Amino acid sequence: MRENRPQLLDVLFDDAIAAENGPLHHVQQRATALLKLNRAVKGLLPSQLQPWCRVANYRQSVLVLETANASWLMRLRYEQPALLSALRAQILPSLSSIDIRINPSLMTRGHNMTQDIAKSTKNPENSPPLRHLSLESAKELRGLASRSPEKLRIILERLAALAGESANATKSDGDK
């Protein structure tokens, strides 16, 4: 009689993977092949395109790439002939064409990836200088605020107050 008790998913997957002919084994092989192909394609792309593009599929000698939006799609189309010839020469001699599709979910993933890269490479020497509001500009803003309607006056005075903060930050930087 067959046991009808619940089994752990890990056990089921391990049994399915152990069977060389099982459907899960073919899925795993296909996923591994697509991951390797994705790494190869990203290695051939310019660095600014890499976070915004990935391999979606390869079927019937057609490579399907996904990109985040129409802007990246156009940039990828400029790279398409070089990418096609490089992939034919190095990895996929049977490759006939590349199909590029837009997948908006890549936008958030690519944005998060670029933010992480920016945080990890952030150096004070490489960052652009902060803008400072001069005391003369603050004086002009206060003069303009005195002749402006109340809502605009409040905004201009708040902006003029930033001049004092930026001047203090500049002095403290100079003292170091």
Protein backbone atom coordinates (compact mmCIF):
# COMPACT_ATOMS: atom_id res chain seq x y z
CA MET A 1 0.00 0.00 0.00
CA ARG A 2 1.24 3.49 -0.86
CA GLU A 3 2.07 6.00 1.85
CA ASN A 4 -0.11 9.07 1.67
CA ARG A 5 1.65 11.10 4.31
CA PRO A 6 3.00 14.55 3.47
CA GLN A 7 6.62 14.66 2.36
CA LEU A 8 9.11 17.50 2.43
CA LEU A 9 9.60 19.31 -0.86
CA ASP A 10 13.36 18.91 -0.53
CA VAL A 11 12.96 15.14 -0.53
CA LEU A 12 10.70 15.25 -3.59
CA PHE A 13 13.09 17.53 -5.49
CA ASP A 14 16.12 15.44 -4.53
CA ASP A 15 14.37 12.29 -5.77
CA ALA A 16 13.36 14.02 -9.01
CA ILE A 17 16.87 15.37 -9.62
CA ALA A 18 18.42 11.97 -8.89
CA ALA A 19 16.32 10.50 -11.69
CA GLU A 20 18.35 11.38 -14.79
CA ASN A 21 15.34 11.13 -17.09
CA GLY A 22 12.91 13.08 -14.90
CA PRO A 23 11.28 16.29 -16.12
CA LEU A 24 12.81 18.30 -13.28
CA HIS A 25 16.28 17.26 -14.41
CA HIS A 26 15.60 18.73 -17.88
CA VAL A 27 14.27 21.95 -16.35
CA GLN A 28 17.39 22.26 -14.21
CA GLN A 29 19.68 21.67 -17.20
CA ARG A 30 17.82 24.29 -19.25
CA ALA A 31 17.96 26.83 -16.42
CA THR A 32 21.70 26.24 -15.98
CA ALA A 33 22.29 26.64 -19.72
CA LEU A 34 20.31 29.92 -19.77
CA LEU A 35 22.28 31.24 -16.79
CA LYS A 36 25.57 30.47 -18.55
CA LEU A 37 24.29 32.12 -21.72
CA ASN A 38 23.17 35.16 -19.71
CA ARG A 39 26.67 35.53 -18.22
CA ALA A 40 28.21 35.27 -21.68
CA VAL A 41 25.84 37.86 -23.17
CA LYS A 42 26.44 40.29 -20.30
CA GLY A 43 30.17 39.87 -20.82
CA LEU A 44 29.77 40.98 -24.44
CA LEU A 45 27.55 43.99 -23.67
CA PRO A 46 28.83 47.47 -22.74
CA SER A 47 28.91 47.99 -18.98
CA GLN A 48 26.09 50.57 -18.94
CA LEU A 49 23.71 48.07 -20.60
CA GLN A 50 24.47 45.10 -18.35
CA PRO A 51 22.09 45.86 -15.44
CA TRP A 52 19.21 46.59 -17.82
CA CYS A 53 19.33 43.47 -19.99
CA ARG A 54 19.05 39.70 -19.52
CA VAL A 55 18.57 36.50 -21.50
CA ALA A 56 14.95 35.39 -21.35
CA ASN A 57 15.07 32.32 -23.60
CA TYR A 58 16.79 30.54 -26.45
CA ARG A 59 14.57 28.54 -28.77
CA GLN A 60 14.64 27.52 -32.43
CA SER A 61 17.98 29.34 -32.96
CA VAL A 62 16.51 32.63 -31.71
CA LEU A 63 17.91 34.33 -28.63
CA VAL A 64 15.26 36.27 -26.68
CA LEU A 65 16.61 39.18 -24.63
CA GLU A 66 14.63 41.29 -22.19
CA THR A 67 15.35 44.91 -21.44
CA ALA A 68 13.91 47.41 -18.98
CA ASN A 69 12.36 50.04 -21.28
CA ALA A 70 12.30 51.46 -24.81
CA SER A 71 15.37 53.58 -24.21
CA TRP A 72 17.50 50.55 -23.34
CA LEU A 73 15.87 48.64 -26.20
CA MET A 74 17.18 51.23 -28.67
CA ARG A 75 20.67 51.08 -27.18
CA LEU A 76 20.58 47.31 -27.33
CA ARG A 77 19.51 47.43 -30.98
CA TYR A 78 22.64 49.44 -31.76
CA GLU A 79 24.69 46.64 -30.19
CA GLN A 80 22.65 43.83 -31.79
CA PRO A 81 24.78 43.20 -34.93
CA ALA A 82 28.04 43.06 -32.95
CA LEU A 83 26.42 40.88 -30.29
CA LEU A 84 25.00 38.52 -32.90
CA SER A 85 28.33 38.02 -34.65
CA ALA A 86 30.23 37.62 -31.35
CA LEU A 87 27.77 35.03 -30.06
CA ARG A 88 27.91 33.12 -33.35
CA ALA A 89 31.70 33.10 -33.25
CA GLN A 90 32.10 32.17 -29.58
CA ILE A 91 29.12 30.23 -28.24
CA LEU A 92 26.14 29.69 -30.54
CA PRO A 93 27.10 29.00 -34.17
CA SER A 94 23.47 28.10 -34.94
CA LEU A 95 22.12 31.46 -33.71
CA SER A 96 19.96 32.99 -36.45
CA SER A 97 18.60 36.14 -34.79
CA ILE A 98 18.10 38.06 -31.57
CA ASP A 99 14.63 39.09 -30.44
CA ILE A 100 14.51 41.95 -27.92
CA ARG A 101 11.50 42.50 -25.68
CA ILE A 102 10.64 45.02 -22.99
CA ASN A 103 10.12 43.75 -19.43
CA PRO A 104 9.36 46.65 -17.06
CA SER A 105 10.16 44.55 -13.98
CA LEU A 106 13.83 44.80 -14.97
CA MET A 107 13.66 48.54 -14.31
CA THR A 108 13.46 48.13 -10.54
CA ARG A 109 16.08 45.39 -10.48
CA GLY A 110 18.47 47.40 -12.64
CA HIS A 111 17.88 50.54 -10.59
CA ASN A 112 18.62 48.69 -7.36
CA MET A 113 21.77 47.22 -8.90
CA THR A 114 23.06 50.62 -10.04
CA GLN A 115 22.28 52.11 -6.61
CA ASP A 116 24.31 49.35 -4.94
CA ILE A 117 27.21 49.96 -7.32
CA ALA A 118 27.05 53.70 -6.69
CA LYS A 119 27.08 53.18 -2.92
CA SER A 120 30.02 50.78 -3.06
CA THR A 121 32.14 53.04 -5.27
CA LYS A 122 31.26 56.32 -3.59
CA ASN A 123 34.46 58.23 -2.82
CA PRO A 124 34.63 61.87 -1.71
CA GLU A 125 37.29 62.56 -4.35
CA ASN A 126 35.11 61.20 -7.17
CA SER A 127 31.82 62.78 -6.10
CA PRO A 128 30.84 66.09 -7.70
CA PRO A 129 31.33 69.16 -5.51
CA LEU A 130 28.32 70.29 -3.51
CA ARG A 131 26.73 73.55 -4.56
CA HIS A 132 26.88 76.40 -2.07
CA LEU A 133 24.66 79.44 -1.95
CA SER A 134 26.73 82.57 -1.47
CA LEU A 135 25.88 85.19 1.15
CA GLU A 136 25.34 87.76 -1.63
CA SER A 137 22.76 85.50 -3.27
CA ALA A 138 21.05 85.02 0.09
CA LYS A 139 20.90 88.80 0.56
CA GLU A 140 19.29 89.20 -2.88
CA LEU A 141 16.80 86.42 -2.10
CA ARG A 142 15.80 88.11 1.17
CA GLY A 143 15.32 91.42 -0.68
CA LEU A 144 13.14 89.67 -3.25
CA ALA A 145 11.22 87.90 -0.47
CA SER A 146 10.34 91.24 1.17
CA ARG A 147 8.54 92.31 -2.04
CA SER A 148 6.83 88.93 -2.71
CA PRO A 149 3.49 87.38 -1.72
CA GLU A 150 3.52 85.47 1.57
CA LYS A 151 3.71 81.93 0.16
CA LEU A 152 6.64 82.82 -2.11
CA ARG A 153 8.23 84.92 0.67
CA ILE A 154 8.37 81.89 2.99
CA ILE A 155 9.97 79.74 0.30
CA LEU A 156 12.55 82.41 -0.61
CA GLU A 157 13.46 82.99 3.04
CA ARG A 158 13.93 79.28 3.57
CA LEU A 159 16.20 79.17 0.51
CA ALA A 160 18.17 82.19 1.75
CA ALA A 161 18.64 80.48 5.12
CA LEU A 162 20.49 77.70 3.30
CA ALA A 163 23.24 80.18 2.47
CA GLY A 164 24.17 80.40 6.13
CA GLU A 165 24.26 76.60 6.41
CA SER A 166 26.42 76.19 3.31
CA ALA A 167 28.75 78.99 4.45
CA ASN A 168 29.12 77.30 7.84
CA ALA A 169 29.82 73.95 6.15
CA THR A 170 32.45 75.61 3.95
CA LYS A 171 34.13 77.23 6.96
CA SER A 172 34.18 73.95 8.89
CA ASP A 173 35.66 72.18 5.84
CA GLY A 174 38.31 74.88 5.58
CA ASP A 175 39.18 74.55 9.29
CA LYS A 176 40.05 70.88 8.92
